PDB file of N, CA and C in Angstrom:
ATOM      1  N   MET A   1      26.847 -10.752  59.278  1.00  0.00           N
ATOM      2  CA  MET A   1      27.649 -11.223  58.268  1.00  0.00           C
ATOM      3  C   MET A   1      26.939 -12.726  57.304  1.00  0.00           C
ATOM      4  N   LYS A   2      26.443 -13.137  58.433  1.00  0.00           N
ATOM      5  CA  LYS A   2      26.294 -14.241  57.929  1.00  0.00           C
ATOM      6  C   LYS A   2      25.407 -14.057  56.418  1.00  0.00           C
ATOM      7  N   ILE A   3      24.858 -13.590  56.063  1.00  0.00           N
ATOM      8  CA  ILE A   3      23.560 -13.659  54.868  1.00  0.00           C
ATOM      9  C   ILE A   3      24.140 -12.941  53.904  1.00  0.00           C
ATOM     10  N   ILE A   4      25.549 -12.308  53.431  1.00  0.00           N
ATOM     11  CA  ILE A   4      26.701 -12.477  52.616  1.00  0.00           C
ATOM     12  C   ILE A   4      27.380 -13.801  52.249  1.00  0.00           C
ATOM     13  N   GLU A   5      27.701 -14.802  53.489  1.00  0.00           N
ATOM     14  CA  GLU A   5      28.358 -16.164  53.212  1.00  0.00           C
ATOM     15  C   GLU A   5      27.337 -16.809  52.347  1.00  0.00           C
ATOM     16  N   ASP A   6      25.819 -16.859  52.425  1.00  0.00           N
ATOM     17  CA  ASP A   6      25.202 -17.747  52.733  1.00  0.00           C
ATOM     18  C   ASP A   6      24.275 -18.023  51.485  1.00  0.00           C
ATOM     19  N   ASN A   7      24.728 -16.242  50.459  1.00  0.00           N
ATOM     20  CA  ASN A   7      23.816 -15.471  49.098  1.00  0.00           C
ATOM     21  C   ASN A   7      24.550 -16.397  48.254  1.00  0.00           C
ATOM     22  N   PRO A   8      23.962 -17.039  47.517  1.00  0.00           N
ATOM     23  CA  PRO A   8      24.157 -18.055  46.183  1.00  0.00           C
ATOM     24  C   PRO A   8      25.279 -16.766  45.150  1.00  0.00           C
ATOM     25  N   TYR A   9      24.637 -15.752  45.484  1.00  0.00           N
ATOM     26  CA  TYR A   9      24.376 -14.685  43.486  1.00  0.00           C
ATOM     27  C   TYR A   9      25.693 -14.013  44.449  1.00  0.00           C
ATOM     28  N   LEU A  10      26.904 -13.608  45.260  1.00  0.00           N
ATOM     29  CA  LEU A  10      27.512 -13.104  46.038  1.00  0.00           C
ATOM     30  C   LEU A  10      28.615 -13.625  45.770  1.00  0.00           C
ATOM     31  N   LYS A  11      28.495 -15.074  46.539  1.00  0.00           N
ATOM     32  CA  LYS A  11      30.171 -15.803  45.801  1.00  0.00           C
ATOM     33  C   LYS A  11      30.508 -15.658  44.267  1.00  0.00           C
ATOM     34  N   THR A  12      32.093 -15.459  44.110  1.00  0.00           N
ATOM     35  CA  THR A  12      31.854 -15.535  43.160  1.00  0.00           C
ATOM     36  C   THR A  12      31.863 -16.617  41.949  1.00  0.00           C
ATOM     37  N   GLY A  13      31.760 -17.828  42.152  1.00  0.00           N
ATOM     38  CA  GLY A  13      31.649 -18.838  40.799  1.00  0.00           C
ATOM     39  C   GLY A  13      30.486 -19.147  40.550  1.00  0.00           C
ATOM     40  N   ASN A  14      29.423 -18.775  41.787  1.00  0.00           N
ATOM     41  CA  ASN A  14      28.101 -18.074  41.573  1.00  0.00           C
ATOM     42  C   ASN A  14      27.424 -17.145  40.382  1.00  0.00           C
ATOM     43  N   HIS A  15      28.071 -16.196  40.922  1.00  0.00           N
ATOM     44  CA  HIS A  15      28.149 -14.518  39.667  1.00  0.00           C
ATOM     45  C   HIS A  15      28.490 -14.975  38.583  1.00  0.00           C
ATOM     46  N   ILE A  16      29.929 -15.704  37.939  1.00  0.00           N
ATOM     47  CA  ILE A  16      29.886 -15.822  36.997  1.00  0.00           C
ATOM     48  C   ILE A  16      29.304 -16.637  36.423  1.00  0.00           C
ATOM     49  N   GLN A  17      28.815 -17.432  36.828  1.00  0.00           N
ATOM     50  CA  GLN A  17      27.710 -18.711  36.286  1.00  0.00           C
ATOM     51  C   GLN A  17      26.445 -17.819  36.200  1.00  0.00           C
ATOM     52  N   LYS A  18      25.727 -17.168  36.861  1.00  0.00           N
ATOM     53  CA  LYS A  18      24.588 -16.462  36.224  1.00  0.00           C
ATOM     54  C   LYS A  18      24.966 -14.993  34.598  1.00  0.00           C
ATOM     55  N   THR A  19      26.583 -14.562  35.031  1.00  0.00           N
ATOM     56  CA  THR A  19      26.907 -13.506  33.957  1.00  0.00           C
ATOM     57  C   THR A  19      26.678 -14.132  32.478  1.00  0.00           C
ATOM     58  N   GLN A  20      27.127 -16.050  32.717  1.00  0.00           N
ATOM     59  CA  GLN A  20      27.598 -16.292  31.617  1.00  0.00           C
ATOM     60  C   GLN A  20      25.970 -16.713  31.233  1.00  0.00           C
ATOM     61  N   HIS A  21      25.519 -17.184  32.075  1.00  0.00           N
ATOM     62  CA  HIS A  21      24.103 -18.255  31.482  1.00  0.00           C
ATOM     63  C   HIS A  21      23.722 -16.316  30.456  1.00  0.00           C
ATOM     64  N   ILE A  22      23.029 -15.315  31.721  1.00  0.00           N
ATOM     65  CA  ILE A  22      22.839 -14.066  31.131  1.00  0.00           C
ATOM     66  C   ILE A  22      23.309 -14.122  29.329  1.00  0.00           C
ATOM     67  N   GLN A  23      24.548 -13.851  29.402  1.00  0.00           N
ATOM     68  CA  GLN A  23      25.188 -13.971  28.052  1.00  0.00           C
ATOM     69  C   GLN A  23      24.819 -14.350  26.873  1.00  0.00           C
ATOM     70  N   GLU A  24      24.332 -15.918  27.188  1.00  0.00           N
ATOM     71  CA  GLU A  24      24.684 -17.258  25.969  1.00  0.00           C
ATOM     72  C   GLU A  24      22.996 -16.327  25.861  1.00  0.00           C
ATOM     73  N   VAL A  25      22.115 -16.426  26.652  1.00  0.00           N
ATOM     74  CA  VAL A  25      20.991 -15.709  26.621  1.00  0.00           C
ATOM     75  C   VAL A  25      20.231 -14.864  25.480  1.00  0.00           C
ATOM     76  N   ASN A  26      20.836 -13.515  25.890  1.00  0.00           N
ATOM     77  CA  ASN A  26      21.236 -12.276  25.226  1.00  0.00           C
ATOM     78  C   ASN A  26      21.573 -12.835  23.553  1.00  0.00           C
ATOM     79  N   LYS A  27      22.923 -13.836  23.990  1.00  0.00           N
ATOM     80  CA  LYS A  27      23.151 -14.096  22.590  1.00  0.00           C
ATOM     81  C   LYS A  27      22.442 -14.877  21.615  1.00  0.00           C
ATOM     82  N   ALA A  28      22.052 -15.728  21.944  1.00  0.00           N
ATOM     83  CA  ALA A  28      20.284 -16.344  21.694  1.00  0.00           C
ATOM     84  C   ALA A  28      19.632 -15.819  21.146  1.00  0.00           C
ATOM     85  N   ARG A  29      18.838 -14.936  21.950  1.00  0.00           N
ATOM     86  CA  ARG A  29      18.032 -13.517  21.159  1.00  0.00           C
ATOM     87  C   ARG A  29      18.765 -13.049  20.300  1.00  0.00           C
ATOM     88  N   LYS A  30      20.022 -13.172  19.892  1.00  0.00           N
ATOM     89  CA  LYS A  30      20.294 -11.907  19.278  1.00  0.00           C
ATOM     90  C   LYS A  30      20.299 -12.441  17.842  1.00  0.00           C
ATOM     91  N   ILE A  31      20.798 -13.691  17.936  1.00  0.00           N
ATOM     92  CA  ILE A  31      20.695 -14.946  16.281  1.00  0.00           C
ATOM     93  C   ILE A  31      19.023 -15.449  16.375  1.00  0.00           C
ATOM     94  N   GLU A  32      18.048 -14.738  17.184  1.00  0.00           N
ATOM     95  CA  GLU A  32      16.864 -15.290  17.042  1.00  0.00           C
ATOM     96  C   GLU A  32      16.375 -13.329  16.152  1.00  0.00           C
ATOM     97  N   ASP A  33      16.954 -12.801  16.703  1.00  0.00           N
ATOM     98  CA  ASP A  33      16.667 -11.900  15.986  1.00  0.00           C
ATOM     99  C   ASP A  33      16.518 -11.654  14.817  1.00  0.00           C
ATOM    100  N   LYS A  34      17.937 -12.030  14.444  1.00  0.00           N
ATOM    101  CA  LYS A  34      18.276 -11.852  12.759  1.00  0.00           C
ATOM    102  C   LYS A  34      18.083 -12.482  12.549  1.00  0.00           C
ATOM    103  N   GLY A  35      17.170 -14.078  13.090  1.00  0.00           N
ATOM    104  CA  GLY A  35      16.386 -14.587  11.252  1.00  0.00           C
ATOM    105  C   GLY A  35      15.494 -14.015  11.435  1.00  0.00           C
ATOM    106  N   GLU A  36      14.441 -14.584  10.050  1.00  0.00           N
ATOM    107  CA  GLU A  36      13.285 -14.358   9.239  1.00  0.00           C
ATOM    108  C   GLU A  36      12.675 -13.411  10.863  1.00  0.00           C
ATOM    109  N   GLN A  37      12.424 -12.520  10.107  1.00  0.00           N
ATOM    110  CA  GLN A  37      11.514 -11.974  11.177  1.00  0.00           C
ATOM    111  C   GLN A  37       9.757 -11.953  10.922  1.00  0.00           C
ATOM    112  N   LYS A  38       8.858 -12.313  11.552  1.00  0.00           N
ATOM    113  CA  LYS A  38       7.654 -12.972  11.245  1.00  0.00           C
ATOM    114  C   LYS A  38       7.266 -11.743  10.927  1.00  0.00           C
ATOM    115  N   LEU A  39       6.273 -11.390  10.216  1.00  0.00           N
ATOM    116  CA  LEU A  39       5.226  -9.971   9.246  1.00  0.00           C
ATOM    117  C   LEU A  39       3.490 -10.443   9.218  1.00  0.00           C
ATOM    118  N   ASP A  40       3.424  -9.145   9.781  1.00  0.00           N
ATOM    119  CA  ASP A  40       1.302  -9.340   9.747  1.00  0.00           C
ATOM    120  C   ASP A  40       0.853 -10.071   8.262  1.00  0.00           C
ATOM    121  N   THR A  41       0.028 -10.779   8.372  1.00  0.00           N
ATOM    122  CA  THR A  41      -0.020 -11.150   6.193  1.00  0.00           C
ATOM    123  C   THR A  41      -1.693 -11.023   6.303  1.00  0.00           C
ATOM    124  N   PHE A  42      -2.101 -10.212   5.357  1.00  0.00           N
ATOM    125  CA  PHE A  42      -3.358 -10.628   4.977  1.00  0.00           C
ATOM    126  C   PHE A  42      -3.038 -11.434   3.606  1.00  0.00           C
ATOM    127  N   ASN A  43      -4.595 -11.615   3.344  1.00  0.00           N
ATOM    128  CA  ASN A  43      -5.212 -12.174   1.697  1.00  0.00           C
ATOM    129  C   ASN A  43      -6.528 -11.611   1.605  1.00  0.00           C
ATOM    130  N   LEU A  44      -6.225 -10.819   0.313  1.00  0.00           N
ATOM    131  CA  LEU A  44      -7.239 -10.060  -0.494  1.00  0.00           C
ATOM    132  C   LEU A  44      -8.586 -11.000  -1.037  1.00  0.00           C
ATOM    133  N   SER A  45      -9.151 -10.864  -1.099  1.00  0.00           N
ATOM    134  CA  SER A  45     -10.607 -11.340  -1.936  1.00  0.00           C
ATOM    135  C   SER A  45     -10.631 -11.407  -3.488  1.00  0.00           C
ATOM    136  N   PRO A  46     -11.305 -12.024  -4.136  1.00  0.00           N
ATOM    137  CA  PRO A  46     -10.991 -11.979  -5.693  1.00  0.00           C
ATOM    138  C   PRO A  46     -11.604 -10.908  -5.692  1.00  0.00           C
ATOM    139  N   GLU A  47     -12.412  -9.957  -5.087  1.00  0.00           N
ATOM    140  CA  GLU A  47     -13.082  -9.239  -5.664  1.00  0.00           C
ATOM    141  C   GLU A  47     -12.093  -7.799  -5.599  1.00  0.00           C
ATOM    142  N   ALA A  48     -11.379  -8.089  -4.484  1.00  0.00           N
ATOM    143  CA  ALA A  48     -10.393  -6.920  -3.643  1.00  0.00           C
ATOM    144  C   ALA A  48      -9.192  -6.945  -5.118  1.00  0.00           C
ATOM    145  N   LYS A  49      -8.567  -7.834  -5.810  1.00  0.00           N
ATOM    146  CA  LYS A  49      -7.805  -7.845  -6.333  1.00  0.00           C
ATOM    147  C   LYS A  49      -7.837  -7.845  -7.575  1.00  0.00           C
ATOM    148  N   GLU A  50      -9.144  -8.060  -8.844  1.00  0.00           N
ATOM    149  CA  GLU A  50     -10.008  -7.448  -9.481  1.00  0.00           C
ATOM    150  C   GLU A  50      -9.689  -5.927  -9.755  1.00  0.00           C
ATOM    151  N   ILE A  51     -10.450  -5.215  -8.707  1.00  0.00           N
ATOM    152  CA  ILE A  51     -10.158  -3.484  -8.031  1.00  0.00           C
ATOM    153  C   ILE A  51      -8.923  -3.509  -8.213  1.00  0.00           C
ATOM    154  N   ARG A  52      -8.011  -4.175  -7.716  1.00  0.00           N
ATOM    155  CA  ARG A  52      -6.325  -3.805  -7.408  1.00  0.00           C
ATOM    156  C   ARG A  52      -5.525  -3.269  -9.351  1.00  0.00           C
ATOM    157  N   ASP A  53      -6.622  -4.534  -9.365  1.00  0.00           N
ATOM    158  CA  ASP A  53      -5.514  -4.760 -11.287  1.00  0.00           C
ATOM    159  C   ASP A  53      -5.767  -3.552 -11.778  1.00  0.00           C
ATOM    160  N   ALA A  54      -7.326  -3.887 -11.625  1.00  0.00           N
ATOM    161  CA  ALA A  54      -7.916  -2.604 -12.178  1.00  0.00           C
ATOM    162  C   ALA A  54      -7.459  -0.628 -11.804  1.00  0.00           C
ATOM    163  N   GLU A  55      -7.640  -0.763 -10.955  1.00  0.00           N
ATOM    164  CA  GLU A  55      -6.574   0.236 -10.493  1.00  0.00           C
ATOM    165  C   GLU A  55      -5.026   0.439 -10.974  1.00  0.00           C
ATOM    166  N   GLU A  56      -4.045  -0.582 -10.979  1.00  0.00           N
ATOM    167  CA  GLU A  56      -3.040  -0.439 -11.425  1.00  0.00           C
ATOM    168  C   GLU A  56      -2.719  -0.291 -13.002  1.00  0.00           C
ATOM    169  N   ALA A  57      -4.339  -1.429 -13.770  1.00  0.00           N
ATOM    170  CA  ALA A  57      -4.651  -0.918 -15.426  1.00  0.00           C
ATOM    171  C   ALA A  57      -4.754   0.553 -15.647  1.00  0.00           C
ATOM    172  N   ILE A  58      -5.377   1.312 -15.034  1.00  0.00           N
ATOM    173  CA  ILE A  58      -6.514   2.863 -14.800  1.00  0.00           C
ATOM    174  C   ILE A  58      -4.672   3.922 -14.936  1.00  0.00           C
ATOM    175  N   LYS A  59      -4.006   3.689 -13.853  1.00  0.00           N
ATOM    176  CA  LYS A  59      -2.973   4.081 -13.316  1.00  0.00           C
ATOM    177  C   LYS A  59      -1.758   4.584 -14.715  1.00  0.00           C
ATOM    178  N   LEU A  60      -1.287   2.888 -16.005  1.00  0.00           N
ATOM    179  CA  LEU A  60      -0.451   2.986 -16.851  1.00  0.00           C
ATOM    180  C   LEU A  60      -1.227   3.831 -18.151  1.00  0.00           C
ATOM    181  N   MET A  61      -2.505   4.061 -18.076  1.00  0.00           N
ATOM    182  CA  MET A  61      -2.708   4.639 -19.137  1.00  0.00           C
ATOM    183  C   MET A  61      -2.526   6.166 -19.082  1.00  0.00           C
ATOM    184  N   PRO A  62      -3.069   6.835 -20.311  1.00  0.00           N
ATOM    185  CA  PRO A  62      -2.399   8.355 -20.389  1.00  0.00           C
ATOM    186  C   PRO A  62      -3.058   9.109 -19.857  1.00  0.00           C
ATOM    187  N   GLU A  63      -3.559   9.859 -19.572  1.00  0.00           N
ATOM    188  CA  GLU A  63      -4.751   9.986 -19.278  1.00  0.00           C
ATOM    189  C   GLU A  63      -5.178  11.606 -20.383  1.00  0.00           C
ATOM    190  N   ILE A  64      -4.127  11.951 -21.332  1.00  0.00           N
ATOM    191  CA  ILE A  64      -4.426  12.501 -22.022  1.00  0.00           C
ATOM    192  C   ILE A  64      -4.520  11.640 -23.479  1.00  0.00           C
ATOM    193  N   SER A  65      -5.478  11.626 -24.676  1.00  0.00           N
ATOM    194  CA  SER A  65      -5.335  10.657 -25.866  1.00  0.00           C
ATOM    195  C   SER A  65      -4.773  11.494 -27.050  1.00  0.00           C
ATOM    196  N   GLU A  66      -2.924  11.677 -26.923  1.00  0.00           N
ATOM    197  CA  GLU A  66      -2.549  12.464 -27.720  1.00  0.00           C
ATOM    198  C   GLU A  66      -2.864  12.486 -29.112  1.00  0.00           C
ATOM    199  N   GLU A  67      -3.083  11.108 -29.795  1.00  0.00           N
ATOM    200  CA  GLU A  67      -4.130  11.309 -30.926  1.00  0.00           C
ATOM    201  C   GLU A  67      -4.983  11.416 -31.459  1.00  0.00           C
ATOM    202  N   LYS A  68      -6.574  11.107 -30.169  1.00  0.00           N
ATOM    203  CA  LYS A  68      -7.185  12.063 -30.215  1.00  0.00           C
ATOM    204  C   LYS A  68      -7.404  13.698 -30.277  1.00  0.00           C
ATOM    205  N   VAL A  69      -6.266  14.323 -29.078  1.00  0.00           N
ATOM    206  CA  VAL A  69      -6.274  15.893 -29.331  1.00  0.00           C
ATOM    207  C   VAL A  69      -5.738  15.927 -31.241  1.00  0.00           C
ATOM    208  N   ALA A  70      -4.602  15.195 -31.530  1.00  0.00           N
ATOM    209  CA  ALA A  70      -4.174  16.159 -32.669  1.00  0.00           C
ATOM    210  C   ALA A  70      -5.004  15.983 -33.948  1.00  0.00           C
ATOM    211  N   HIS A  71      -6.401  15.145 -33.518  1.00  0.00           N
ATOM    212  CA  HIS A  71      -6.963  14.892 -35.093  1.00  0.00           C
ATOM    213  C   HIS A  71      -8.168  15.878 -34.213  1.00  0.00           C
ATOM    214  N   PHE A  72      -8.284  16.491 -33.060  1.00  0.00           N
ATOM    215  CA  PHE A  72      -9.535  17.346 -33.173  1.00  0.00           C
ATOM    216  C   PHE A  72      -8.750  18.698 -33.644  1.00  0.00           C
ATOM    217  N   LYS A  73      -7.273  19.303 -33.281  1.00  0.00           N
ATOM    218  CA  LYS A  73      -6.786  20.032 -33.489  1.00  0.00           C
ATOM    219  C   LYS A  73      -6.987  20.363 -35.107  1.00  0.00           C
ATOM    220  N   LYS A  74      -6.174  18.976 -35.791  1.00  0.00           N
ATOM    221  CA  LYS A  74      -6.647  19.571 -37.029  1.00  0.00           C
ATOM    222  C   LYS A  74      -7.973  19.541 -37.548  1.00  0.00           C
ATOM    223  N   LEU A  75      -9.205  18.789 -36.710  1.00  0.00           N
ATOM    224  CA  LEU A  75     -10.586  19.656 -37.181  1.00  0.00           C
ATOM    225  C   LEU A  75     -10.862  20.773 -36.900  1.00  0.00           C
ATOM    226  N   ILE A  76     -10.536  21.299 -36.129  1.00  0.00           N
ATOM    227  CA  ILE A  76     -10.801  22.723 -36.195  1.00  0.00           C
ATOM    228  C   ILE A  76      -9.854  23.970 -36.578  1.00  0.00           C
ATOM    229  N   LYS A  77      -8.138  23.596 -36.517  1.00  0.00           N
ATOM    230  CA  LYS A  77      -7.616  24.452 -37.766  1.00  0.00           C
ATOM    231  C   LYS A  77      -8.208  24.567 -38.571  1.00  0.00           C
ATOM    232  N   ASN A  78      -8.598  23.422 -40.162  1.00  0.00           N
ATOM    233  CA  ASN A  78      -8.686  23.289 -40.896  1.00  0.00           C
ATOM    234  C   ASN A  78     -10.616  23.718 -41.026  1.00  0.00           C
ATOM    235  N   ASP A  79     -11.592  23.966 -39.922  1.00  0.00           N
ATOM    236  CA  ASP A  79     -13.075  24.871 -39.901  1.00  0.00           C
ATOM    237  C   ASP A  79     -13.567  23.419 -40.170  1.00  0.00           C
ATOM    238  N   GLU A  80     -13.061  22.251 -39.739  1.00  0.00           N
ATOM    239  CA  GLU A  80     -13.888  20.982 -40.225  1.00  0.00           C
ATOM    240  C   GLU A  80     -14.483  20.623 -38.692  1.00  0.00           C
ATOM    241  N   TYR A  81     -14.592  20.911 -38.011  1.00  0.00           N
ATOM    242  CA  TYR A  81     -14.992  21.026 -36.449  1.00  0.00           C
ATOM    243  C   TYR A  81     -16.674  21.156 -36.717  1.00  0.00           C
ATOM    244  N   ASN A  82     -17.809  20.719 -36.599  1.00  0.00           N
ATOM    245  CA  ASN A  82     -18.983  20.571 -36.872  1.00  0.00           C
ATOM    246  C   ASN A  82     -19.400  19.725 -35.081  1.00  0.00           C
ATOM    247  N   ILE A  83     -20.004  20.989 -34.577  1.00  0.00           N
ATOM    248  CA  ILE A  83     -21.185  20.409 -33.790  1.00  0.00           C
ATOM    249  C   ILE A  83     -22.517  19.796 -33.319  1.00  0.00           C
ATOM    250  N   ASP A  84     -23.155  19.025 -33.318  1.00  0.00           N
ATOM    251  CA  ASP A  84     -24.377  18.649 -33.507  1.00  0.00           C
ATOM    252  C   ASP A  84     -24.891  19.593 -32.088  1.00  0.00           C
ATOM    253  N   GLU A  85     -25.666  20.575 -32.409  1.00  0.00           N
ATOM    254  CA  GLU A  85     -25.920  20.996 -31.190  1.00  0.00           C
ATOM    255  C   GLU A  85     -27.330  21.082 -30.481  1.00  0.00           C
ATOM    256  N   GLU A  86     -28.239  19.645 -31.224  1.00  0.00           N
ATOM    257  CA  GLU A  86     -29.221  19.202 -30.812  1.00  0.00           C
ATOM    258  C   GLU A  86     -28.862  18.251 -30.125  1.00  0.00           C
ATOM    259  N   GLY A  87     -27.774  17.737 -30.702  1.00  0.00           N
ATOM    260  CA  GLY A  87     -27.219  16.323 -29.828  1.00  0.00           C
ATOM    261  C   GLY A  87     -26.566  16.586 -28.638  1.00  0.00           C
ATOM    262  N   LEU A  88     -25.711  17.280 -28.461  1.00  0.00           N
ATOM    263  CA  LEU A  88     -24.895  17.930 -27.104  1.00  0.00           C
ATOM    264  C   LEU A  88     -26.111  18.728 -26.022  1.00  0.00           C
ATOM    265  N   ALA A  89     -27.461  19.146 -26.557  1.00  0.00           N
ATOM    266  CA  ALA A  89     -28.083  19.424 -26.130  1.00  0.00           C
ATOM    267  C   ALA A  89     -29.055  18.205 -25.517  1.00  0.00           C
ATOM    268  N   GLU A  90     -29.035  17.662 -25.702  1.00  0.00           N
ATOM    269  CA  GLU A  90     -29.995  16.462 -25.449  1.00  0.00           C
ATOM    270  C   GLU A  90     -29.381  15.645 -24.002  1.00  0.00           C
ATOM    271  N   LYS A  91     -27.491  15.437 -25.135  1.00  0.00           N
ATOM    272  CA  LYS A  91     -26.837  14.673 -24.015  1.00  0.00           C
ATOM    273  C   LYS A  91     -26.304  15.436 -22.563  1.00  0.00           C
ATOM    274  N   ILE A  92     -26.919  16.597 -22.649  1.00  0.00           N
ATOM    275  CA  ILE A  92     -26.414  17.622 -21.058  1.00  0.00           C
ATOM    276  C   ILE A  92     -27.076  17.588 -20.200  1.00  0.00           C
ATOM    277  N   ILE A  93     -29.174  17.681 -21.172  1.00  0.00           N
ATOM    278  CA  ILE A  93     -29.861  17.261 -20.141  1.00  0.00           C
ATOM    279  C   ILE A  93     -30.370  15.684 -19.742  1.00  0.00           C
ATOM    280  N   THR A  94     -30.026  15.096 -20.596  1.00  0.00           N
ATOM    281  CA  THR A  94     -29.890  13.245 -19.882  1.00  0.00           C
ATOM    282  C   THR A  94     -28.862  13.289 -18.502  1.00  0.00           C
ATOM    283  N   GLU A  95     -27.828  13.590 -19.033  1.00  0.00           N
ATOM    284  CA  GLU A  95     -26.774  13.365 -17.787  1.00  0.00           C
ATOM    285  C   GLU A  95     -27.210  14.185 -17.083  1.00  0.00           C
ATOM    286  N   SER A  96     -27.492  15.417 -17.261  1.00  0.00           N
ATOM    287  CA  SER A  96     -28.641  16.263 -15.962  1.00  0.00           C
ATOM    288  C   SER A  96     -29.352  15.549 -15.194  1.00  0.00           C
ATOM    289  N   LEU A  97     -30.323  14.995 -15.584  1.00  0.00           N
ATOM    290  CA  LEU A  97     -31.701  14.604 -15.255  1.00  0.00           C
ATOM    291  C   LEU A  97     -31.051  12.882 -14.715  1.00  0.00           C
ATOM    292  N   LEU A  98     -30.268  12.075 -15.182  1.00  0.00           N
ATOM    293  CA  LEU A  98     -29.419  11.102 -14.526  1.00  0.00           C
ATOM    294  C   LEU A  98     -28.480  11.493 -12.902  1.00  0.00           C
ATOM    295  N   ASN A  99     -28.257  12.371 -13.280  1.00  0.00           N
ATOM    296  CA  ASN A  99     -27.584  12.557 -12.170  1.00  0.00           C
ATOM    297  C   ASN A  99     -28.125  13.134 -10.661  1.00  0.00           C
ATOM    298  N   ASP A 100     -29.466  13.526 -11.054  1.00  0.00           N
ATOM    299  CA  ASP A 100     -30.752  13.997 -10.137  1.00  0.00           C
ATOM    300  C   ASP A 100     -31.890  12.886  -9.358  1.00  0.00           C
ATOM    301  N   LEU A 101     -31.376  11.619  -9.990  1.00  0.00           N
ATOM    302  CA  LEU A 101     -32.441  10.777 -10.211  1.00  0.00           C
ATOM    303  C   LEU A 101     -31.104   9.635  -9.031  1.00  0.00           C
ATOM    304  N   PHE A 102     -30.161   9.364  -8.889  1.00  0.00           N
ATOM    305  CA  PHE A 102     -28.723   9.292  -8.648  1.00  0.00           C
ATOM    306  C   PHE A 102     -28.507   9.878  -7.378  1.00  0.00           C
ATOM    307  N   ILE A 103     -28.830  11.178  -7.345  1.00  0.00           N
ATOM    308  CA  ILE A 103     -27.658  12.008  -6.665  1.00  0.00           C
ATOM    309  C   ILE A 103     -28.932  12.604  -5.122  1.00  0.00           C
TER     310      ILE A 103
END
């Protein structure tokens, strides 16, 4: 039984001191946890900032221009909307050729 008598952790006074020390450490950790949490940070390049700003501006734009829709509805209703068939065909062909070049 000499082992028990000589073991400093089994003596009441030392056990209390050890417990108090553990409580102090835990208390300090809790205080640290309540403080500012360090977050990962990153910096955007100027180009990325421009892209982000452009995306935000696009999100704010309406998808449909109500004014244009009203204008064309009025033209169609009054039978005043005329289509330039040759111009339309030319645009379709040009766009198709450009798509073929870049795809």
